[in-house]
Amino acid sequence: MKSFREWGFRGSEAGLEADFVLTYEYDDTSRRVAAEMDYHQYIASKVNWLEYVEVRPLVEGIKPFGVFKLKESEVYSVKTFGGETVTKGHEVDWPPFIGKIGRGN
């Protein structure tokens, strides 16, 4: 972390404008529970540019999973935990939901 700061990155002292989030699942348990957030929501709430989304499968063979992404980013592909790249609207979907597009609608 010292190196990040030496290079000009801002940590938690910058509040929602921080450039990185550093937390351990058990460090802020009481604050997270009081805020009624799960661990992923709690991390995403630390900065204004990060969000956690639940990825839903649109085809068989993919299990639901969650990912962190930049807010308002135009990201349409994500890797599964198995290493497969899947695309929003084709194999998976996440908020804002667009449903299945393309062939086989």
PDB file of N, CA and C in Angstrom:
ATOM      1  N   MET A   1       0.811  -1.184   0.000  1.00  0.00           N
ATOM      2  CA  MET A   1       0.000   0.000   0.000  1.00  0.00           C
ATOM      3  C   MET A   1       0.859   1.255   0.000  1.00  0.00           C
ATOM      4  N   LYS A   2       1.984   1.196   0.675  1.00  0.00           N
ATOM      5  CA  LYS A   2       2.870   2.356   0.708  1.00  0.00           C
ATOM      6  C   LYS A   2       3.271   2.763  -0.713  1.00  0.00           C
ATOM      7  N   SER A   3       3.570   1.761  -1.557  1.00  0.00           N
ATOM      8  CA  SER A   3       3.958   2.058  -2.939  1.00  0.00           C
ATOM      9  C   SER A   3       2.831   2.742  -3.698  1.00  0.00           C
ATOM     10  N   PHE A   4       1.600   2.286  -3.526  1.00  0.00           N
ATOM     11  CA  PHE A   4       0.471   2.925  -4.195  1.00  0.00           C
ATOM     12  C   PHE A   4       0.427   4.405  -3.840  1.00  0.00           C
ATOM     13  N   ARG A   5       0.552   4.694  -2.574  1.00  0.00           N
ATOM     14  CA  ARG A   5       0.491   6.085  -2.127  1.00  0.00           C
ATOM     15  C   ARG A   5       1.692   6.883  -2.658  1.00  0.00           C
ATOM     16  N   GLU A   6       2.861   6.273  -2.688  1.00  0.00           N
ATOM     17  CA  GLU A   6       4.045   6.951  -3.229  1.00  0.00           C
ATOM     18  C   GLU A   6       3.861   7.305  -4.693  1.00  0.00           C
ATOM     19  N   TRP A   7       3.098   6.482  -5.414  1.00  0.00           N
ATOM     20  CA  TRP A   7       2.845   6.728  -6.837  1.00  0.00           C
ATOM     21  C   TRP A   7       1.680   7.683  -7.060  1.00  0.00           C
ATOM     22  N   GLY A   8       1.044   8.158  -5.979  1.00  0.00           N
ATOM     23  CA  GLY A   8      -0.015   9.142  -6.108  1.00  0.00           C
ATOM     24  C   GLY A   8      -1.424   8.603  -5.988  1.00  0.00           C
ATOM     25  N   PHE A   9      -1.588   7.304  -5.776  1.00  0.00           N
ATOM     26  CA  PHE A   9      -2.930   6.759  -5.597  1.00  0.00           C
ATOM     27  C   PHE A   9      -3.467   7.161  -4.233  1.00  0.00           C
ATOM     28  N   ARG A  10      -4.764   7.421  -4.174  1.00  0.00           N
ATOM     29  CA  ARG A  10      -5.403   7.829  -2.924  1.00  0.00           C
ATOM     30  C   ARG A  10      -6.133   6.638  -2.313  1.00  0.00           C
ATOM     31  N   GLY A  11      -5.937   6.427  -1.027  1.00  0.00           N
ATOM     32  CA  GLY A  11      -6.591   5.340  -0.309  1.00  0.00           C
ATOM     33  C   GLY A  11      -7.838   5.820   0.402  1.00  0.00           C
ATOM     34  N   SER A  12      -8.178   5.166   1.491  1.00  0.00           N
ATOM     35  CA  SER A  12      -9.421   5.453   2.217  1.00  0.00           C
ATOM     36  C   SER A  12      -9.508   6.896   2.722  1.00  0.00           C
ATOM     37  N   GLU A  13      -8.373   7.570   2.861  1.00  0.00           N
ATOM     38  CA  GLU A  13      -8.422   8.967   3.309  1.00  0.00           C
ATOM     39  C   GLU A  13      -9.168   9.856   2.314  1.00  0.00           C
ATOM     40  N   ALA A  14      -9.322   9.409   1.076  1.00  0.00           N
ATOM     41  CA  ALA A  14     -10.037  10.178   0.045  1.00  0.00           C
ATOM     42  C   ALA A  14     -11.524   9.864   0.019  1.00  0.00           C
ATOM     43  N   GLY A  15     -11.983   9.011   0.923  1.00  0.00           N
ATOM     44  CA  GLY A  15     -13.409   8.680   0.988  1.00  0.00           C
ATOM     45  C   GLY A  15     -13.897   8.029  -0.295  1.00  0.00           C
ATOM     46  N   LEU A  16     -15.041   8.486  -0.788  1.00  0.00           N
ATOM     47  CA  LEU A  16     -15.639   7.894  -1.992  1.00  0.00           C
ATOM     48  C   LEU A  16     -14.794   8.099  -3.239  1.00  0.00           C
ATOM     49  N   GLU A  17     -13.856   9.026  -3.183  1.00  0.00           N
ATOM     50  CA  GLU A  17     -12.989   9.305  -4.327  1.00  0.00           C
ATOM     51  C   GLU A  17     -11.701   8.479  -4.303  1.00  0.00           C
ATOM     52  N   ALA A  18     -11.579   7.523  -3.392  1.00  0.00           N
ATOM     53  CA  ALA A  18     -10.374   6.702  -3.285  1.00  0.00           C
ATOM     54  C   ALA A  18     -10.105   5.967  -4.593  1.00  0.00           C
ATOM     55  N   ASP A  19      -8.837   5.718  -4.865  1.00  0.00           N
ATOM     56  CA  ASP A  19      -8.430   5.023  -6.084  1.00  0.00           C
ATOM     57  C   ASP A  19      -8.392   3.510  -5.911  1.00  0.00           C
ATOM     58  N   PHE A  20      -8.390   3.039  -4.670  1.00  0.00           N
ATOM     59  CA  PHE A  20      -8.401   1.597  -4.432  1.00  0.00           C
ATOM     60  C   PHE A  20      -9.114   1.310  -3.118  1.00  0.00           C
ATOM     61  N   VAL A  21      -9.575   0.074  -2.984  1.00  0.00           N
ATOM     62  CA  VAL A  21     -10.270  -0.374  -1.782  1.00  0.00           C
ATOM     63  C   VAL A  21      -9.455  -1.493  -1.168  1.00  0.00           C
ATOM     64  N   LEU A  22      -9.153  -1.357   0.099  1.00  0.00           N
ATOM     65  CA  LEU A  22      -8.427  -2.396   0.817  1.00  0.00           C
ATOM     66  C   LEU A  22      -9.258  -2.759   2.035  1.00  0.00           C
ATOM     67  N   THR A  23      -9.688  -3.996   2.103  1.00  0.00           N
ATOM     68  CA  THR A  23     -10.472  -4.448   3.238  1.00  0.00           C
ATOM     69  C   THR A  23     -10.286  -5.944   3.401  1.00  0.00           C
ATOM     70  N   TYR A  24     -10.538  -6.392   4.574  1.00  0.00           N
ATOM     71  CA  TYR A  24     -10.530  -7.816   4.863  1.00  0.00           C
ATOM     72  C   TYR A  24     -11.916  -8.170   5.348  1.00  0.00           C
ATOM     73  N   GLU A  25     -12.411  -9.309   4.933  1.00  0.00           N
ATOM     74  CA  GLU A  25     -13.805  -9.675   5.198  1.00  0.00           C
ATOM     75  C   GLU A  25     -14.199  -9.526   6.656  1.00  0.00           C
ATOM     76  N   TYR A  26     -13.296  -9.755   7.588  1.00  0.00           N
ATOM     77  CA  TYR A  26     -13.672  -9.748   8.998  1.00  0.00           C
ATOM     78  C   TYR A  26     -13.321  -8.456   9.718  1.00  0.00           C
ATOM     79  N   ASP A  27     -12.670  -7.508   9.048  1.00  0.00           N
ATOM     80  CA  ASP A  27     -12.270  -6.262   9.690  1.00  0.00           C
ATOM     81  C   ASP A  27     -13.451  -5.385  10.090  1.00  0.00           C
ATOM     82  N   ASP A  28     -14.394  -5.207   9.213  1.00  0.00           N
ATOM     83  CA  ASP A  28     -15.487  -4.261   9.427  1.00  0.00           C
ATOM     84  C   ASP A  28     -16.820  -4.959   9.626  1.00  0.00           C
ATOM     85  N   THR A  29     -16.815  -6.122  10.223  1.00  0.00           N
ATOM     86  CA  THR A  29     -18.045  -6.913  10.347  1.00  0.00           C
ATOM     87  C   THR A  29     -19.147  -6.137  11.052  1.00  0.00           C
ATOM     88  N   SER A  30     -18.849  -5.484  12.166  1.00  0.00           N
ATOM     89  CA  SER A  30     -19.904  -4.797  12.917  1.00  0.00           C
ATOM     90  C   SER A  30     -20.500  -3.645  12.111  1.00  0.00           C
ATOM     91  N   ARG A  31     -19.662  -2.881  11.401  1.00  0.00           N
ATOM     92  CA  ARG A  31     -20.185  -1.786  10.566  1.00  0.00           C
ATOM     93  C   ARG A  31     -21.021  -2.315   9.410  1.00  0.00           C
ATOM     94  N   ARG A  32     -20.527  -3.386   8.786  1.00  0.00           N
ATOM     95  CA  ARG A  32     -21.239  -3.979   7.650  1.00  0.00           C
ATOM     96  C   ARG A  32     -22.587  -4.516   8.091  1.00  0.00           C
ATOM     97  N   VAL A  33     -22.623  -5.220   9.211  1.00  0.00           N
ATOM     98  CA  VAL A  33     -23.878  -5.785   9.714  1.00  0.00           C
ATOM     99  C   VAL A  33     -24.833  -4.667  10.093  1.00  0.00           C
ATOM    100  N   ALA A  34     -24.327  -3.631  10.735  1.00  0.00           N
ATOM    101  CA  ALA A  34     -25.178  -2.498  11.116  1.00  0.00           C
ATOM    102  C   ALA A  34     -25.773  -1.818   9.891  1.00  0.00           C
ATOM    103  N   ALA A  35     -25.029  -1.798   8.794  1.00  0.00           N
ATOM    104  CA  ALA A  35     -25.511  -1.189   7.554  1.00  0.00           C
ATOM    105  C   ALA A  35     -26.401  -2.144   6.759  1.00  0.00           C
ATOM    106  N   GLU A  36     -26.567  -3.372   7.264  1.00  0.00           N
ATOM    107  CA  GLU A  36     -27.378  -4.406   6.604  1.00  0.00           C
ATOM    108  C   GLU A  36     -26.909  -4.665   5.182  1.00  0.00           C
ATOM    109  N   MET A  37     -25.585  -4.814   5.016  1.00  0.00           N
ATOM    110  CA  MET A  37     -24.994  -5.093   3.710  1.00  0.00           C
ATOM    111  C   MET A  37     -24.233  -6.403   3.763  1.00  0.00           C
ATOM    112  N   ASP A  38     -24.217  -7.120   2.642  1.00  0.00           N
ATOM    113  CA  ASP A  38     -23.332  -8.272   2.586  1.00  0.00           C
ATOM    114  C   ASP A  38     -21.924  -7.757   2.281  1.00  0.00           C
ATOM    115  N   TYR A  39     -20.967  -8.646   2.329  1.00  0.00           N
ATOM    116  CA  TYR A  39     -19.562  -8.259   2.176  1.00  0.00           C
ATOM    117  C   TYR A  39     -19.304  -7.523   0.862  1.00  0.00           C
ATOM    118  N   HIS A  40     -19.867  -8.018  -0.236  1.00  0.00           N
ATOM    119  CA  HIS A  40     -19.622  -7.410  -1.547  1.00  0.00           C
ATOM    120  C   HIS A  40     -20.243  -6.018  -1.653  1.00  0.00           C
ATOM    121  N   GLN A  41     -21.464  -5.867  -1.153  1.00  0.00           N
ATOM    122  CA  GLN A  41     -22.105  -4.554  -1.169  1.00  0.00           C
ATOM    123  C   GLN A  41     -21.306  -3.563  -0.330  1.00  0.00           C
ATOM    124  N   TYR A  42     -20.794  -4.036   0.792  1.00  0.00           N
ATOM    125  CA  TYR A  42     -20.027  -3.182   1.693  1.00  0.00           C
ATOM    126  C   TYR A  42     -18.761  -2.664   1.005  1.00  0.00           C
ATOM    127  N   ILE A  43     -18.045  -3.539   0.316  1.00  0.00           N
ATOM    128  CA  ILE A  43     -16.843  -3.111  -0.408  1.00  0.00           C
ATOM    129  C   ILE A  43     -17.203  -2.073  -1.465  1.00  0.00           C
ATOM    130  N   ALA A  44     -18.240  -2.357  -2.243  1.00  0.00           N
ATOM    131  CA  ALA A  44     -18.641  -1.443  -3.315  1.00  0.00           C
ATOM    132  C   ALA A  44     -19.088  -0.087  -2.767  1.00  0.00           C
ATOM    133  N   SER A  45     -19.590  -0.055  -1.534  1.00  0.00           N
ATOM    134  CA  SER A  45     -20.056   1.211  -0.957  1.00  0.00           C
ATOM    135  C   SER A  45     -18.907   2.119  -0.521  1.00  0.00           C
ATOM    136  N   LYS A  46     -17.691   1.600  -0.509  1.00  0.00           N
ATOM    137  CA  LYS A  46     -16.533   2.363  -0.045  1.00  0.00           C
ATOM    138  C   LYS A  46     -16.065   3.417  -1.045  1.00  0.00           C
ATOM    139  N   VAL A  47     -16.390   3.254  -2.326  1.00  0.00           N
ATOM    140  CA  VAL A  47     -15.978   4.196  -3.367  1.00  0.00           C
ATOM    141  C   VAL A  47     -17.145   4.438  -4.313  1.00  0.00           C
ATOM    142  N   ASN A  48     -17.090   5.537  -5.052  1.00  0.00           N
ATOM    143  CA  ASN A  48     -18.214   5.884  -5.919  1.00  0.00           C
ATOM    144  C   ASN A  48     -18.094   5.352  -7.346  1.00  0.00           C
ATOM    145  N   TRP A  49     -17.074   4.589  -7.644  1.00  0.00           N
ATOM    146  CA  TRP A  49     -16.852   4.115  -9.019  1.00  0.00           C
ATOM    147  C   TRP A  49     -16.979   2.601  -9.155  1.00  0.00           C
ATOM    148  N   LEU A  50     -17.307   1.907  -8.070  1.00  0.00           N
ATOM    149  CA  LEU A  50     -17.334   0.449  -8.069  1.00  0.00           C
ATOM    150  C   LEU A  50     -18.715  -0.053  -7.701  1.00  0.00           C
ATOM    151  N   GLU A  51     -19.143  -1.119  -8.374  1.00  0.00           N
ATOM    152  CA  GLU A  51     -20.402  -1.760  -7.996  1.00  0.00           C
ATOM    153  C   GLU A  51     -20.254  -3.270  -8.104  1.00  0.00           C
ATOM    154  N   TYR A  52     -21.071  -3.975  -7.335  1.00  0.00           N
ATOM    155  CA  TYR A  52     -21.101  -5.429  -7.371  1.00  0.00           C
ATOM    156  C   TYR A  52     -22.407  -5.832  -8.022  1.00  0.00           C
ATOM    157  N   VAL A  53     -22.336  -6.654  -9.058  1.00  0.00           N
ATOM    158  CA  VAL A  53     -23.549  -7.099  -9.753  1.00  0.00           C
ATOM    159  C   VAL A  53     -23.630  -8.617  -9.750  1.00  0.00           C
ATOM    160  N   GLU A  54     -24.857  -9.110  -9.647  1.00  0.00           N
ATOM    161  CA  GLU A  54     -25.128 -10.537  -9.765  1.00  0.00           C
ATOM    162  C   GLU A  54     -25.325 -10.855 -11.239  1.00  0.00           C
ATOM    163  N   VAL A  55     -24.560 -11.791 -11.733  1.00  0.00           N
ATOM    164  CA  VAL A  55     -24.629 -12.205 -13.137  1.00  0.00           C
ATOM    165  C   VAL A  55     -25.546 -13.424 -13.220  1.00  0.00           C
ATOM    166  N   ARG A  56     -26.571 -13.320 -14.067  1.00  0.00           N
ATOM    167  CA  ARG A  56     -27.541 -14.400 -14.227  1.00  0.00           C
ATOM    168  C   ARG A  56     -27.319 -15.101 -15.569  1.00  0.00           C
ATOM    169  N   PRO A  57     -27.367 -16.422 -15.562  1.00  0.00           N
ATOM    170  CA  PRO A  57     -27.198 -17.141 -16.827  1.00  0.00           C
ATOM    171  C   PRO A  57     -28.442 -17.038 -17.707  1.00  0.00           C
ATOM    172  N   LEU A  58     -28.221 -17.001 -19.005  1.00  0.00           N
ATOM    173  CA  LEU A  58     -29.315 -17.028 -19.980  1.00  0.00           C
ATOM    174  C   LEU A  58     -29.330 -18.357 -20.732  1.00  0.00           C
ATOM    175  N   VAL A  59     -28.293 -19.157 -20.541  1.00  0.00           N
ATOM    176  CA  VAL A  59     -28.183 -20.461 -21.193  1.00  0.00           C
ATOM    177  C   VAL A  59     -27.822 -21.498 -20.131  1.00  0.00           C
ATOM    178  N   GLU A  60     -28.075 -22.741 -20.448  1.00  0.00           N
ATOM    179  CA  GLU A  60     -27.743 -23.819 -19.526  1.00  0.00           C
ATOM    180  C   GLU A  60     -26.233 -23.996 -19.430  1.00  0.00           C
ATOM    181  N   GLY A  61     -25.795 -24.508 -18.299  1.00  0.00           N
ATOM    182  CA  GLY A  61     -24.389 -24.819 -18.115  1.00  0.00           C
ATOM    183  C   GLY A  61     -23.583 -23.729 -17.424  1.00  0.00           C
ATOM    184  N   ILE A  62     -24.216 -22.590 -17.139  1.00  0.00           N
ATOM    185  CA  ILE A  62     -23.535 -21.503 -16.432  1.00  0.00           C
ATOM    186  C   ILE A  62     -24.273 -21.273 -15.116  1.00  0.00           C
ATOM    187  N   LYS A  63     -23.534 -21.249 -14.039  1.00  0.00           N
ATOM    188  CA  LYS A  63     -24.125 -20.979 -12.728  1.00  0.00           C
ATOM    189  C   LYS A  63     -24.103 -19.479 -12.467  1.00  0.00           C
ATOM    190  N   PRO A  64     -25.090 -18.967 -11.721  1.00  0.00           N
ATOM    191  CA  PRO A  64     -25.067 -17.544 -11.356  1.00  0.00           C
ATOM    192  C   PRO A  64     -23.807 -17.218 -10.551  1.00  0.00           C
ATOM    193  N   PHE A  65     -23.273 -16.017 -10.737  1.00  0.00           N
ATOM    194  CA  PHE A  65     -22.112 -15.579  -9.975  1.00  0.00           C
ATOM    195  C   PHE A  65     -22.133 -14.060  -9.891  1.00  0.00           C
ATOM    196  N   GLY A  66     -21.305 -13.499  -9.028  1.00  0.00           N
ATOM    197  CA  GLY A  66     -21.242 -12.059  -8.860  1.00  0.00           C
ATOM    198  C   GLY A  66     -19.875 -11.529  -9.242  1.00  0.00           C
ATOM    199  N   VAL A  67     -19.846 -10.270  -9.683  1.00  0.00           N
ATOM    200  CA  VAL A  67     -18.588  -9.628 -10.068  1.00  0.00           C
ATOM    201  C   VAL A  67     -18.600  -8.154  -9.656  1.00  0.00           C
ATOM    202  N   PHE A  68     -17.406  -7.617  -9.460  1.00  0.00           N
ATOM    203  CA  PHE A  68     -17.248  -6.178  -9.286  1.00  0.00           C
ATOM    204  C   PHE A  68     -16.998  -5.578 -10.659  1.00  0.00           C
ATOM    205  N   LYS A  69     -17.581  -4.405 -10.914  1.00  0.00           N
ATOM    206  CA  LYS A  69     -17.336  -3.707 -12.169  1.00  0.00           C
ATOM    207  C   LYS A  69     -17.363  -2.209 -11.933  1.00  0.00           C
ATOM    208  N   LEU A  70     -16.795  -1.479 -12.863  1.00  0.00           N
ATOM    209  CA  LEU A  70     -16.859  -0.022 -12.789  1.00  0.00           C
ATOM    210  C   LEU A  70     -18.286   0.433 -13.049  1.00  0.00           C
ATOM    211  N   LYS A  71     -18.782   1.364 -12.251  1.00  0.00           N
ATOM    212  CA  LYS A  71     -20.121   1.907 -12.476  1.00  0.00           C
ATOM    213  C   LYS A  71     -20.155   2.612 -13.822  1.00  0.00           C
ATOM    214  N   GLU A  72     -21.284   2.519 -14.485  1.00  0.00           N
ATOM    215  CA  GLU A  72     -21.527   3.198 -15.754  1.00  0.00           C
ATOM    216  C   GLU A  72     -20.511   2.846 -16.834  1.00  0.00           C
ATOM    217  N   SER A  73     -19.868   1.691 -16.696  1.00  0.00           N
ATOM    218  CA  SER A  73     -18.943   1.265 -17.739  1.00  0.00           C
ATOM    219  C   SER A  73     -19.712   0.478 -18.787  1.00  0.00           C
ATOM    220  N   GLU A  74     -19.228   0.498 -19.984  1.00  0.00           N
ATOM    221  CA  GLU A  74     -19.876  -0.250 -21.061  1.00  0.00           C
ATOM    222  C   GLU A  74     -19.186  -1.593 -21.219  1.00  0.00           C
ATOM    223  N   VAL A  75     -19.233  -2.373 -20.149  1.00  0.00           N
ATOM    224  CA  VAL A  75     -18.647  -3.711 -20.134  1.00  0.00           C
ATOM    225  C   VAL A  75     -19.725  -4.691 -20.551  1.00  0.00           C
ATOM    226  N   TYR A  76     -19.421  -5.537 -21.519  1.00  0.00           N
ATOM    227  CA  TYR A  76     -20.416  -6.492 -22.004  1.00  0.00           C
ATOM    228  C   TYR A  76     -19.921  -7.925 -21.942  1.00  0.00           C
ATOM    229  N   SER A  77     -18.692  -8.144 -21.537  1.00  0.00           N
ATOM    230  CA  SER A  77     -18.154  -9.505 -21.417  1.00  0.00           C
ATOM    231  C   SER A  77     -17.519  -9.673 -20.046  1.00  0.00           C
ATOM    232  N   VAL A  78     -17.561 -10.903 -19.558  1.00  0.00           N
ATOM    233  CA  VAL A  78     -16.981 -11.220 -18.255  1.00  0.00           C
ATOM    234  C   VAL A  78     -16.494 -12.661 -18.289  1.00  0.00           C
ATOM    235  N   LYS A  79     -15.472 -12.946 -17.514  1.00  0.00           N
ATOM    236  CA  LYS A  79     -14.979 -14.318 -17.411  1.00  0.00           C
ATOM    237  C   LYS A  79     -15.658 -15.015 -16.249  1.00  0.00           C
ATOM    238  N   THR A  80     -16.050 -16.264 -16.465  1.00  0.00           N
ATOM    239  CA  THR A  80     -16.595 -17.074 -15.389  1.00  0.00           C
ATOM    240  C   THR A  80     -15.439 -17.575 -14.540  1.00  0.00           C
ATOM    241  N   PHE A  81     -15.766 -18.190 -13.406  1.00  0.00           N
ATOM    242  CA  PHE A  81     -14.709 -18.738 -12.559  1.00  0.00           C
ATOM    243  C   PHE A  81     -14.019 -19.912 -13.231  1.00  0.00           C
ATOM    244  N   GLY A  82     -14.655 -20.490 -14.248  1.00  0.00           N
ATOM    245  CA  GLY A  82     -14.038 -21.556 -15.025  1.00  0.00           C
ATOM    246  C   GLY A  82     -13.147 -21.036 -16.143  1.00  0.00           C
ATOM    247  N   GLY A  83     -13.083 -19.702 -16.307  1.00  0.00           N
ATOM    248  CA  GLY A  83     -12.210 -19.108 -17.313  1.00  0.00           C
ATOM    249  C   GLY A  83     -12.874 -18.851 -18.652  1.00  0.00           C
ATOM    250  N   GLU A  84     -14.153 -19.189 -18.784  1.00  0.00           N
ATOM    251  CA  GLU A  84     -14.884 -18.976 -20.034  1.00  0.00           C
ATOM    252  C   GLU A  84     -15.332 -17.511 -20.130  1.00  0.00           C
ATOM    253  N   THR A  85     -15.158 -16.879 -21.287  1.00  0.00           N
ATOM    254  CA  THR A  85     -15.649 -15.522 -21.493  1.00  0.00           C
ATOM    255  C   THR A  85     -17.079 -15.599 -21.995  1.00  0.00           C
ATOM    256  N   VAL A  86     -17.984 -14.904 -21.289  1.00  0.00           N
ATOM    257  CA  VAL A  86     -19.402 -14.889 -21.650  1.00  0.00           C
ATOM    258  C   VAL A  86     -19.829 -13.442 -21.870  1.00  0.00           C
ATOM    259  N   THR A  87     -20.890 -13.256 -22.673  1.00  0.00           N
ATOM    260  CA  THR A  87     -21.299 -11.918 -23.089  1.00  0.00           C
ATOM    261  C   THR A  87     -22.718 -11.606 -22.630  1.00  0.00           C
ATOM    262  N   LYS A  88     -22.898 -10.399 -22.115  1.00  0.00           N
ATOM    263  CA  LYS A  88     -24.205  -9.906 -21.684  1.00  0.00           C
ATOM    264  C   LYS A  88     -25.169  -9.938 -22.864  1.00  0.00           C
ATOM    265  N   GLY A  89     -26.356 -10.482 -22.618  1.00  0.00           N
ATOM    266  CA  GLY A  89     -27.375 -10.552 -23.659  1.00  0.00           C
ATOM    267  C   GLY A  89     -27.302 -11.814 -24.496  1.00  0.00           C
ATOM    268  N   HIS A  90     -26.227 -12.553 -24.364  1.00  0.00           N
ATOM    269  CA  HIS A  90     -26.073 -13.801 -25.119  1.00  0.00           C
ATOM    270  C   HIS A  90     -26.070 -14.998 -24.171  1.00  0.00           C
ATOM    271  N   GLU A  91     -25.046 -15.094 -23.327  1.00  0.00           N
ATOM    272  CA  GLU A  91     -24.977 -16.209 -22.381  1.00  0.00           C
ATOM    273  C   GLU A  91     -25.399 -15.808 -20.970  1.00  0.00           C
ATOM    274  N   VAL A  92     -25.243 -14.519 -20.628  1.00  0.00           N
ATOM    275  CA  VAL A  92     -25.535 -14.025 -19.281  1.00  0.00           C
ATOM    276  C   VAL A  92     -26.187 -12.650 -19.342  1.00  0.00           C
ATOM    277  N   ASP A  93     -26.658 -12.196 -18.187  1.00  0.00           N
ATOM    278  CA  ASP A  93     -27.232 -10.857 -18.079  1.00  0.00           C
ATOM    279  C   ASP A  93     -26.993 -10.336 -16.667  1.00  0.00           C
ATOM    280  N   TRP A  94     -26.915  -9.006 -16.516  1.00  0.00           N
ATOM    281  CA  TRP A  94     -26.790  -8.363 -15.210  1.00  0.00           C
ATOM    282  C   TRP A  94     -27.444  -6.999 -15.304  1.00  0.00           C
ATOM    283  N   PRO A  95     -27.767  -6.373 -14.143  1.00  0.00           N
ATOM    284  CA  PRO A  95     -28.428  -5.070 -14.174  1.00  0.00           C
ATOM    285  C   PRO A  95     -27.595  -4.015 -14.903  1.00  0.00           C
ATOM    286  N   PRO A  96     -28.240  -3.125 -15.655  1.00  0.00           N
ATOM    287  CA  PRO A  96     -29.639  -3.201 -16.050  1.00  0.00           C
ATOM    288  C   PRO A  96     -29.848  -4.345 -17.042  1.00  0.00           C
ATOM    289  N   PHE A  97     -30.850  -5.153 -16.769  1.00  0.00           N
ATOM    290  CA  PHE A  97     -31.093  -6.351 -17.567  1.00  0.00           C
ATOM    291  C   PHE A  97     -31.565  -6.000 -18.972  1.00  0.00           C
ATOM    292  N   ILE A  98     -31.027  -6.716 -19.956  1.00  0.00           N
ATOM    293  CA  ILE A  98     -31.424  -6.504 -21.345  1.00  0.00           C
ATOM    294  C   ILE A  98     -32.054  -7.746 -21.943  1.00  0.00           C
ATOM    295  N   GLY A  99     -31.966  -8.875 -21.249  1.00  0.00           N
ATOM    296  CA  GLY A  99     -32.530 -10.124 -21.754  1.00  0.00           C
ATOM    297  C   GLY A  99     -31.670 -10.724 -22.855  1.00  0.00           C
ATOM    298  N   LYS A 100     -32.154 -11.820 -23.397  1.00  0.00           N
ATOM    299  CA  LYS A 100     -31.400 -12.540 -24.433  1.00  0.00           C
ATOM    300  C   LYS A 100     -31.623 -11.859 -25.778  1.00  0.00           C
ATOM    301  N   ILE A 101     -30.512 -11.616 -26.485  1.00  0.00           N
ATOM    302  CA  ILE A 101     -30.578 -10.993 -27.805  1.00  0.00           C
ATOM    303  C   ILE A 101     -29.932 -11.922 -28.818  1.00  0.00           C
ATOM    304  N   GLY A 102     -30.147 -11.654 -30.076  1.00  0.00           N
ATOM    305  CA  GLY A 102     -29.502 -12.461 -31.114  1.00  0.00           C
ATOM    306  C   GLY A 102     -30.329 -13.675 -31.508  1.00  0.00           C
ATOM    307  N   ARG A 103     -29.664 -14.625 -32.169  1.00  0.00           N
ATOM    308  CA  ARG A 103     -30.334 -15.832 -32.635  1.00  0.00           C
ATOM    309  C   ARG A 103     -30.919 -16.628 -31.488  1.00  0.00           C
ATOM    310  N   GLY A 104     -32.036 -17.259 -31.776  1.00  0.00           N
ATOM    311  CA  GLY A 104     -32.647 -18.151 -30.804  1.00  0.00           C
ATOM    312  C   GLY A 104     -33.447 -17.444 -29.723  1.00  0.00           C
ATOM    313  N   ASN A 105     -33.832 -16.190 -29.974  1.00  0.00           N
ATOM    314  CA  ASN A 105     -34.642 -15.465 -28.991  1.00  0.00           C
ATOM    315  C   ASN A 105     -35.908 -16.186 -28.693  1.00  0.00           C
TER     316      ASN A 105
END
